[in-house]
Amino acid sequence: MKPLAVGAVGVAVAVVGALWFFTPRGQPEGVVLRTDDAAVLARGQALYAQHCAACHGAQLQGQPNWRERNAQGLLPAPPHDASGHTWHHPDAVLFDITKHGVAKAARMPDYVSAMPAYAGVLSDEEIVAVLSWIRSTWPSHIQRQHEAVNASARSR
């Protein structure tokens, strides 16, 4: 493996570990994805197309080489489909990353990311709608695994 790739993987593992470690114990009220509500899903799909697809892809495929830092030192946008790591995070972490940005969500103030914070751009309900739509696109076995991640987060 190339040294740059090893470094990028190391940074990605550190960020994921920090997100897990610093995830608040239990899941905040109000951060419940609503994959059973057709109106929420339609709104989420439209908002995703407007605010997220330019980076994360119209098909949730992310950007090429998303695990390797680019020339600016930033990690490209990861996929939100089943091939990515979105479903590895509890709803509350996904919400916090979307609302506040990676650095604040991970409590790593010096971490630089191309992912903008959407506080003041999208309401909490709109963020939930986007995340609900993303989750609704995952195969059922991935959705079950994601629910196990949520259950684990709620029990901490």
N, C-alpha and C. Protein backbone atom coordinates (compact mmCIF):
# COMPACT_ATOMS: atom_id res chain seq x y z
N MET A 1 0.85 -1.17 0.00
CA MET A 1 0.00 0.00 0.00
C MET A 1 0.89 1.24 0.00
N LYS A 2 0.50 2.24 -0.74
CA LYS A 2 1.27 3.47 -0.81
C LYS A 2 1.27 4.18 0.54
N PRO A 3 2.38 4.87 0.88
CA PRO A 3 2.43 5.59 2.15
C PRO A 3 1.30 6.61 2.30
N LEU A 4 0.94 7.29 1.21
CA LEU A 4 -0.15 8.27 1.28
C LEU A 4 -1.47 7.58 1.60
N ALA A 5 -1.70 6.43 0.98
CA ALA A 5 -2.94 5.68 1.24
C ALA A 5 -2.97 5.19 2.67
N VAL A 6 -1.83 4.72 3.18
CA VAL A 6 -1.76 4.26 4.57
C VAL A 6 -2.08 5.42 5.51
N GLY A 7 -1.53 6.58 5.22
CA GLY A 7 -1.80 7.76 6.04
C GLY A 7 -3.26 8.16 6.00
N ALA A 8 -3.85 8.13 4.80
CA ALA A 8 -5.27 8.48 4.66
C ALA A 8 -6.15 7.51 5.42
N VAL A 9 -5.84 6.23 5.33
CA VAL A 9 -6.61 5.23 6.07
C VAL A 9 -6.45 5.47 7.57
N GLY A 10 -5.24 5.78 8.00
CA GLY A 10 -5.01 6.06 9.42
C GLY A 10 -5.81 7.25 9.91
N VAL A 11 -5.85 8.31 9.12
CA VAL A 11 -6.63 9.50 9.49
C VAL A 11 -8.11 9.16 9.53
N ALA A 12 -8.58 8.42 8.53
CA ALA A 12 -9.99 8.04 8.50
C ALA A 12 -10.36 7.20 9.71
N VAL A 13 -9.51 6.26 10.08
CA VAL A 13 -9.76 5.43 11.26
C VAL A 13 -9.78 6.30 12.52
N ALA A 14 -8.87 7.26 12.60
CA ALA A 14 -8.82 8.14 13.77
C ALA A 14 -10.10 8.98 13.87
N VAL A 15 -10.58 9.49 12.75
CA VAL A 15 -11.80 10.30 12.76
C VAL A 15 -13.00 9.46 13.17
N VAL A 16 -13.12 8.27 12.57
CA VAL A 16 -14.23 7.39 12.92
C VAL A 16 -14.15 7.01 14.39
N GLY A 17 -12.96 6.70 14.87
CA GLY A 17 -12.79 6.37 16.28
C GLY A 17 -13.17 7.53 17.18
N ALA A 18 -12.76 8.72 16.81
CA ALA A 18 -13.11 9.90 17.61
C ALA A 18 -14.61 10.14 17.61
N LEU A 19 -15.24 9.96 16.44
CA LEU A 19 -16.69 10.12 16.38
C LEU A 19 -17.38 9.12 17.30
N TRP A 20 -16.91 7.88 17.29
CA TRP A 20 -17.50 6.87 18.16
C TRP A 20 -17.24 7.20 19.62
N PHE A 21 -16.00 7.51 19.94
CA PHE A 21 -15.62 7.76 21.32
C PHE A 21 -16.37 8.95 21.91
N PHE A 22 -16.51 10.01 21.12
CA PHE A 22 -17.11 11.23 21.63
C PHE A 22 -18.61 11.31 21.38
N THR A 23 -19.21 10.24 20.86
CA THR A 23 -20.65 10.23 20.68
C THR A 23 -21.31 10.32 22.05
N PRO A 24 -22.24 11.24 22.23
CA PRO A 24 -22.92 11.33 23.51
C PRO A 24 -23.57 10.00 23.86
N ARG A 25 -23.54 9.66 25.13
CA ARG A 25 -24.16 8.41 25.57
C ARG A 25 -25.66 8.56 25.45
N GLY A 26 -26.25 7.59 24.84
CA GLY A 26 -27.68 7.68 24.56
C GLY A 26 -27.89 8.52 23.31
N GLN A 27 -29.09 8.47 22.80
CA GLN A 27 -29.39 9.20 21.59
C GLN A 27 -30.31 10.37 21.92
N PRO A 28 -29.95 11.58 21.52
CA PRO A 28 -30.78 12.72 21.85
C PRO A 28 -32.20 12.54 21.31
N GLU A 29 -33.16 13.02 22.07
CA GLU A 29 -34.54 12.97 21.60
C GLU A 29 -34.65 13.79 20.33
N GLY A 30 -35.55 13.38 19.45
CA GLY A 30 -35.78 14.12 18.23
C GLY A 30 -34.94 13.66 17.06
N VAL A 31 -33.89 12.88 17.30
CA VAL A 31 -33.07 12.39 16.19
C VAL A 31 -33.50 10.95 15.90
N VAL A 32 -34.65 10.85 15.28
CA VAL A 32 -35.18 9.55 14.90
C VAL A 32 -35.48 9.63 13.41
N LEU A 33 -34.83 8.78 12.64
CA LEU A 33 -35.07 8.78 11.21
C LEU A 33 -36.44 8.18 10.93
N ARG A 34 -37.09 8.71 9.91
CA ARG A 34 -38.49 8.37 9.64
C ARG A 34 -38.61 7.73 8.26
N THR A 35 -38.10 6.53 8.14
CA THR A 35 -38.11 5.84 6.84
C THR A 35 -39.48 5.28 6.48
N ASP A 36 -40.45 5.39 7.37
CA ASP A 36 -41.79 4.88 7.10
C ASP A 36 -42.77 5.97 6.67
N ASP A 37 -42.31 7.18 6.47
CA ASP A 37 -43.16 8.32 6.14
C ASP A 37 -42.84 8.80 4.72
N ALA A 38 -43.75 8.52 3.79
CA ALA A 38 -43.51 8.83 2.38
C ALA A 38 -43.27 10.32 2.14
N ALA A 39 -43.98 11.17 2.86
CA ALA A 39 -43.80 12.62 2.68
C ALA A 39 -42.41 13.06 3.14
N VAL A 40 -41.95 12.51 4.26
CA VAL A 40 -40.61 12.83 4.76
C VAL A 40 -39.56 12.36 3.76
N LEU A 41 -39.75 11.16 3.22
CA LEU A 41 -38.77 10.62 2.26
C LEU A 41 -38.73 11.44 0.98
N ALA A 42 -39.89 11.87 0.49
CA ALA A 42 -39.92 12.69 -0.72
C ALA A 42 -39.21 14.02 -0.48
N ARG A 43 -39.46 14.62 0.68
CA ARG A 43 -38.79 15.88 1.02
C ARG A 43 -37.29 15.67 1.16
N GLY A 44 -36.90 14.58 1.81
CA GLY A 44 -35.49 14.27 1.97
C GLY A 44 -34.78 14.06 0.65
N GLN A 45 -35.44 13.36 -0.27
CA GLN A 45 -34.84 13.13 -1.58
C GLN A 45 -34.63 14.45 -2.32
N ALA A 46 -35.62 15.34 -2.26
CA ALA A 46 -35.49 16.64 -2.93
C ALA A 46 -34.39 17.48 -2.29
N LEU A 47 -34.33 17.48 -0.98
CA LEU A 47 -33.28 18.25 -0.28
C LEU A 47 -31.90 17.67 -0.56
N TYR A 48 -31.79 16.34 -0.61
CA TYR A 48 -30.51 15.71 -0.93
C TYR A 48 -30.06 16.17 -2.32
N ALA A 49 -30.97 16.13 -3.28
CA ALA A 49 -30.61 16.54 -4.65
C ALA A 49 -30.14 17.99 -4.67
N GLN A 50 -30.75 18.83 -3.86
CA GLN A 50 -30.42 20.26 -3.85
C GLN A 50 -29.14 20.56 -3.08
N HIS A 51 -28.89 19.88 -1.97
CA HIS A 51 -27.80 20.27 -1.07
C HIS A 51 -26.64 19.27 -0.99
N CYS A 52 -26.85 18.03 -1.38
CA CYS A 52 -25.85 17.00 -1.10
C CYS A 52 -25.29 16.30 -2.33
N ALA A 53 -26.12 16.15 -3.36
CA ALA A 53 -25.75 15.33 -4.51
C ALA A 53 -24.52 15.85 -5.26
N ALA A 54 -24.29 17.15 -5.24
CA ALA A 54 -23.14 17.70 -5.96
C ALA A 54 -21.84 17.08 -5.47
N CYS A 55 -21.75 16.76 -4.19
CA CYS A 55 -20.54 16.15 -3.64
C CYS A 55 -20.69 14.64 -3.44
N HIS A 56 -21.82 14.23 -2.86
CA HIS A 56 -21.98 12.82 -2.50
C HIS A 56 -22.57 11.98 -3.63
N GLY A 57 -22.94 12.62 -4.75
CA GLY A 57 -23.42 11.90 -5.92
C GLY A 57 -24.92 11.71 -5.96
N ALA A 58 -25.48 11.82 -7.16
CA ALA A 58 -26.92 11.66 -7.34
C ALA A 58 -27.39 10.27 -6.94
N GLN A 59 -26.50 9.29 -7.07
CA GLN A 59 -26.82 7.91 -6.71
C GLN A 59 -26.19 7.53 -5.37
N LEU A 60 -25.80 8.53 -4.57
CA LEU A 60 -25.20 8.33 -3.25
C LEU A 60 -23.82 7.67 -3.33
N GLN A 61 -23.19 7.71 -4.50
CA GLN A 61 -21.96 6.97 -4.75
C GLN A 61 -20.69 7.64 -4.22
N GLY A 62 -20.78 8.89 -3.78
CA GLY A 62 -19.61 9.59 -3.28
C GLY A 62 -18.65 9.96 -4.40
N GLN A 63 -17.51 10.48 -4.01
CA GLN A 63 -16.49 10.88 -4.98
C GLN A 63 -15.44 9.78 -5.10
N PRO A 64 -14.79 9.70 -6.27
CA PRO A 64 -13.74 8.69 -6.45
C PRO A 64 -12.63 8.86 -5.40
N ASN A 65 -12.04 7.76 -5.04
CA ASN A 65 -10.91 7.74 -4.10
C ASN A 65 -11.23 8.46 -2.79
N TRP A 66 -12.43 8.25 -2.29
CA TRP A 66 -12.90 8.97 -1.10
C TRP A 66 -12.13 8.63 0.17
N ARG A 67 -11.33 7.61 0.14
CA ARG A 67 -10.53 7.25 1.32
C ARG A 67 -9.13 7.87 1.28
N GLU A 68 -8.81 8.59 0.20
CA GLU A 68 -7.48 9.18 0.05
C GLU A 68 -7.58 10.70 -0.03
N ARG A 69 -6.74 11.38 0.70
CA ARG A 69 -6.75 12.85 0.68
C ARG A 69 -6.40 13.36 -0.72
N ASN A 70 -7.04 14.45 -1.10
CA ASN A 70 -6.78 15.05 -2.41
C ASN A 70 -5.61 16.04 -2.31
N ALA A 71 -5.34 16.75 -3.38
CA ALA A 71 -4.21 17.68 -3.43
C ALA A 71 -4.33 18.80 -2.39
N GLN A 72 -5.55 19.11 -1.97
CA GLN A 72 -5.76 20.14 -0.95
C GLN A 72 -5.68 19.55 0.47
N GLY A 73 -5.44 18.25 0.57
CA GLY A 73 -5.35 17.60 1.87
C GLY A 73 -6.68 17.20 2.47
N LEU A 74 -7.74 17.28 1.68
CA LEU A 74 -9.08 16.95 2.16
C LEU A 74 -9.51 15.57 1.66
N LEU A 75 -10.30 14.90 2.47
CA LEU A 75 -10.88 13.64 2.02
C LEU A 75 -12.08 13.95 1.14
N PRO A 76 -12.17 13.32 -0.04
CA PRO A 76 -13.35 13.52 -0.89
C PRO A 76 -14.62 13.03 -0.18
N ALA A 77 -15.75 13.46 -0.69
CA ALA A 77 -17.04 13.09 -0.09
C ALA A 77 -17.24 11.57 -0.17
N PRO A 78 -17.56 10.94 0.96
CA PRO A 78 -17.77 9.49 0.95
C PRO A 78 -19.14 9.14 0.37
N PRO A 79 -19.30 7.89 -0.04
CA PRO A 79 -20.62 7.45 -0.50
C PRO A 79 -21.58 7.31 0.68
N HIS A 80 -22.84 7.50 0.40
CA HIS A 80 -23.88 7.26 1.40
C HIS A 80 -24.69 6.01 1.07
N ASP A 81 -24.27 5.29 0.03
CA ASP A 81 -24.94 4.03 -0.29
C ASP A 81 -24.38 2.93 0.61
N ALA A 82 -24.76 1.71 0.35
CA ALA A 82 -24.33 0.58 1.20
C ALA A 82 -22.83 0.36 1.16
N SER A 83 -22.13 0.87 0.14
CA SER A 83 -20.68 0.66 0.04
C SER A 83 -19.88 1.58 0.96
N GLY A 84 -20.52 2.60 1.49
CA GLY A 84 -19.83 3.58 2.33
C GLY A 84 -19.88 3.21 3.80
N HIS A 85 -19.58 4.20 4.64
CA HIS A 85 -19.56 3.96 6.09
C HIS A 85 -20.65 4.73 6.82
N THR A 86 -21.54 5.39 6.10
CA THR A 86 -22.58 6.18 6.74
C THR A 86 -23.38 5.33 7.72
N TRP A 87 -23.74 4.14 7.31
CA TRP A 87 -24.58 3.28 8.14
C TRP A 87 -23.84 2.72 9.36
N HIS A 88 -22.56 2.95 9.45
CA HIS A 88 -21.78 2.52 10.62
C HIS A 88 -21.97 3.48 11.80
N HIS A 89 -22.58 4.62 11.57
CA HIS A 89 -22.74 5.65 12.60
C HIS A 89 -24.19 5.74 13.06
N PRO A 90 -24.40 5.96 14.36
CA PRO A 90 -25.77 6.14 14.84
C PRO A 90 -26.40 7.41 14.27
N ASP A 91 -27.73 7.42 14.28
CA ASP A 91 -28.47 8.57 13.77
C ASP A 91 -27.99 9.88 14.37
N ALA A 92 -27.74 9.89 15.68
CA ALA A 92 -27.33 11.13 16.35
C ALA A 92 -26.01 11.66 15.81
N VAL A 93 -25.07 10.78 15.50
CA VAL A 93 -23.78 11.20 14.95
C VAL A 93 -23.98 11.74 13.54
N LEU A 94 -24.77 11.05 12.73
CA LEU A 94 -25.04 11.52 11.37
C LEU A 94 -25.70 12.90 11.41
N PHE A 95 -26.64 13.07 12.32
CA PHE A 95 -27.32 14.36 12.48
C PHE A 95 -26.32 15.44 12.88
N ASP A 96 -25.48 15.14 13.87
CA ASP A 96 -24.50 16.13 14.34
C ASP A 96 -23.50 16.51 13.26
N ILE A 97 -23.02 15.53 12.49
CA ILE A 97 -22.09 15.81 11.40
C ILE A 97 -22.75 16.73 10.38
N THR A 98 -24.00 16.42 10.03
CA THR A 98 -24.71 17.21 9.03
C THR A 98 -25.00 18.61 9.54
N LYS A 99 -25.44 18.71 10.77
CA LYS A 99 -25.81 20.03 11.30
C LYS A 99 -24.60 20.88 11.65
N HIS A 100 -23.62 20.28 12.32
CA HIS A 100 -22.51 21.06 12.88
C HIS A 100 -21.19 20.91 12.15
N GLY A 101 -21.07 19.95 11.23
CA GLY A 101 -19.81 19.69 10.55
C GLY A 101 -18.99 18.65 11.29
N VAL A 102 -18.03 18.07 10.59
CA VAL A 102 -17.23 16.97 11.14
C VAL A 102 -16.42 17.43 12.35
N ALA A 103 -15.74 18.55 12.24
CA ALA A 103 -14.83 18.99 13.31
C ALA A 103 -15.58 19.17 14.64
N LYS A 104 -16.71 19.82 14.60
CA LYS A 104 -17.47 20.04 15.83
C LYS A 104 -18.09 18.74 16.33
N ALA A 105 -18.64 17.94 15.42
CA ALA A 105 -19.27 16.68 15.82
C ALA A 105 -18.26 15.74 16.46
N ALA A 106 -17.03 15.74 15.94
CA ALA A 106 -15.97 14.86 16.47
C ALA A 106 -15.18 15.52 17.60
N ARG A 107 -15.51 16.76 17.90
CA ARG A 107 -14.78 17.52 18.92
C ARG A 107 -13.28 17.58 18.59
N MET A 108 -13.02 17.82 17.31
CA MET A 108 -11.65 17.94 16.80
C MET A 108 -11.57 19.29 16.09
N PRO A 109 -11.43 20.40 16.82
CA PRO A 109 -11.54 21.73 16.23
C PRO A 109 -10.54 22.00 15.11
N ASP A 110 -9.43 21.31 15.07
CA ASP A 110 -8.43 21.55 14.03
C ASP A 110 -8.63 20.68 12.80
N TYR A 111 -9.62 19.79 12.83
CA TYR A 111 -9.86 18.91 11.68
C TYR A 111 -10.48 19.73 10.56
N VAL A 112 -9.91 19.63 9.36
CA VAL A 112 -10.39 20.38 8.21
C VAL A 112 -11.13 19.43 7.28
N SER A 113 -12.31 19.84 6.89
CA SER A 113 -13.16 19.02 6.04
C SER A 113 -13.85 19.90 5.01
N ALA A 114 -14.11 19.33 3.85
CA ALA A 114 -14.87 20.04 2.83
C ALA A 114 -16.36 20.01 3.14
N MET A 115 -16.77 19.16 4.08
CA MET A 115 -18.19 19.03 4.44
C MET A 115 -18.63 20.26 5.22
N PRO A 116 -19.57 21.02 4.66
CA PRO A 116 -20.05 22.19 5.38
C PRO A 116 -21.02 21.80 6.49
N ALA A 117 -21.17 22.66 7.45
CA ALA A 117 -22.21 22.50 8.47
C ALA A 117 -23.50 23.08 7.88
N TYR A 118 -24.61 22.42 8.15
CA TYR A 118 -25.89 22.86 7.60
C TYR A 118 -26.78 23.57 8.61
N ALA A 119 -26.26 23.85 9.81
CA ALA A 119 -27.01 24.67 10.77
C ALA A 119 -27.27 26.02 10.12
N GLY A 120 -28.51 26.47 10.17
CA GLY A 120 -28.85 27.74 9.54
C GLY A 120 -29.18 27.63 8.06
N VAL A 121 -28.89 26.47 7.47
CA VAL A 121 -29.23 26.22 6.06
C VAL A 121 -30.44 25.30 6.00
N LEU A 122 -30.35 24.20 6.73
CA LEU A 122 -31.46 23.24 6.83
C LEU A 122 -31.96 23.21 8.27
N SER A 123 -33.26 23.07 8.42
CA SER A 123 -33.83 22.92 9.76
C SER A 123 -33.53 21.51 10.26
N ASP A 124 -33.72 21.28 11.55
CA ASP A 124 -33.52 19.94 12.10
C ASP A 124 -34.42 18.93 11.39
N GLU A 125 -35.66 19.31 11.12
CA GLU A 125 -36.59 18.42 10.43
C GLU A 125 -36.11 18.10 9.02
N GLU A 126 -35.52 19.08 8.35
CA GLU A 126 -35.01 18.83 7.00
C GLU A 126 -33.79 17.91 7.03
N ILE A 127 -32.93 18.07 8.02
CA ILE A 127 -31.78 17.17 8.16
C ILE A 127 -32.28 15.75 8.40
N VAL A 128 -33.26 15.59 9.28
CA VAL A 128 -33.84 14.26 9.53
C VAL A 128 -34.44 13.70 8.24
N ALA A 129 -35.08 14.54 7.44
CA ALA A 129 -35.67 14.07 6.18
C ALA A 129 -34.59 13.56 5.22
N VAL A 130 -33.50 14.30 5.09
CA VAL A 130 -32.40 13.87 4.21
C VAL A 130 -31.82 12.55 4.70
N LEU A 131 -31.52 12.47 5.98
CA LEU A 131 -30.94 11.24 6.53
C LEU A 131 -31.92 10.07 6.42
N SER A 132 -33.21 10.35 6.59
CA SER A 132 -34.22 9.30 6.45
C SER A 132 -34.23 8.77 5.03
N TRP A 133 -34.17 9.68 4.06
CA TRP A 133 -34.17 9.23 2.67
C TRP A 133 -32.92 8.42 2.36
N ILE A 134 -31.77 8.88 2.81
CA ILE A 134 -30.53 8.12 2.58
C ILE A 134 -30.69 6.71 3.13
N ARG A 135 -31.13 6.60 4.39
CA ARG A 135 -31.29 5.28 5.00
C ARG A 135 -32.29 4.42 4.22
N SER A 136 -33.35 5.03 3.71
CA SER A 136 -34.38 4.27 3.00
C SER A 136 -33.86 3.61 1.73
N THR A 137 -32.73 4.09 1.22
CA THR A 137 -32.17 3.52 -0.01
C THR A 137 -31.30 2.29 0.25
N TRP A 138 -30.94 2.05 1.51
CA TRP A 138 -30.06 0.94 1.84
C TRP A 138 -30.81 -0.38 1.77
N PRO A 139 -30.12 -1.45 1.39
CA PRO A 139 -30.76 -2.78 1.43
C PRO A 139 -31.21 -3.11 2.86
N SER A 140 -32.19 -3.98 2.97
CA SER A 140 -32.77 -4.28 4.29
C SER A 140 -31.73 -4.80 5.27
N HIS A 141 -30.76 -5.60 4.81
CA HIS A 141 -29.77 -6.11 5.76
C HIS A 141 -28.88 -4.99 6.30
N ILE A 142 -28.61 -3.96 5.50
CA ILE A 142 -27.84 -2.81 5.97
C ILE A 142 -28.69 -1.99 6.94
N GLN A 143 -29.96 -1.83 6.65
CA GLN A 143 -30.85 -1.10 7.57
C GLN A 143 -30.91 -1.81 8.92
N ARG A 144 -30.95 -3.13 8.91
CA ARG A 144 -30.95 -3.88 10.18
C ARG A 144 -29.64 -3.66 10.93
N GLN A 145 -28.52 -3.68 10.21
CA GLN A 145 -27.23 -3.43 10.86
C GLN A 145 -27.18 -2.01 11.44
N HIS A 146 -27.73 -1.06 10.70
CA HIS A 146 -27.75 0.32 11.18
C HIS A 146 -28.62 0.44 12.43
N GLU A 147 -29.73 -0.28 12.48
CA GLU A 147 -30.56 -0.24 13.69
C GLU A 147 -29.80 -0.83 14.87
N ALA A 148 -28.97 -1.84 14.63
CA ALA A 148 -28.14 -2.40 15.71
C ALA A 148 -27.14 -1.35 16.20
N VAL A 149 -26.58 -0.56 15.29
CA VAL A 149 -25.67 0.53 15.67
C VAL A 149 -26.42 1.53 16.54
N ASN A 150 -27.65 1.88 16.15
CA ASN A 150 -28.46 2.80 16.95
C ASN A 150 -28.77 2.22 18.32
N ALA A 151 -29.12 0.94 18.37
CA ALA A 151 -29.44 0.30 19.65
C ALA A 151 -28.22 0.33 20.58
N SER A 152 -27.05 0.07 20.02
CA SER A 152 -25.83 0.11 20.81
C SER A 152 -25.58 1.52 21.35
N ALA A 153 -25.80 2.53 20.52
CA ALA A 153 -25.60 3.92 20.95
C ALA A 153 -26.59 4.30 22.04
N ARG A 154 -27.83 3.84 21.92
CA ARG A 154 -28.84 4.16 22.94
C ARG A 154 -28.52 3.51 24.27
N SER A 155 -27.84 2.37 24.24
CA SER A 155 -27.57 1.65 25.49
C SER A 155 -26.34 2.17 26.22
N ARG A 156 -25.54 3.03 25.55
CA ARG A 156 -24.33 3.55 26.20
C ARG A 156 -24.66 4.65 27.17
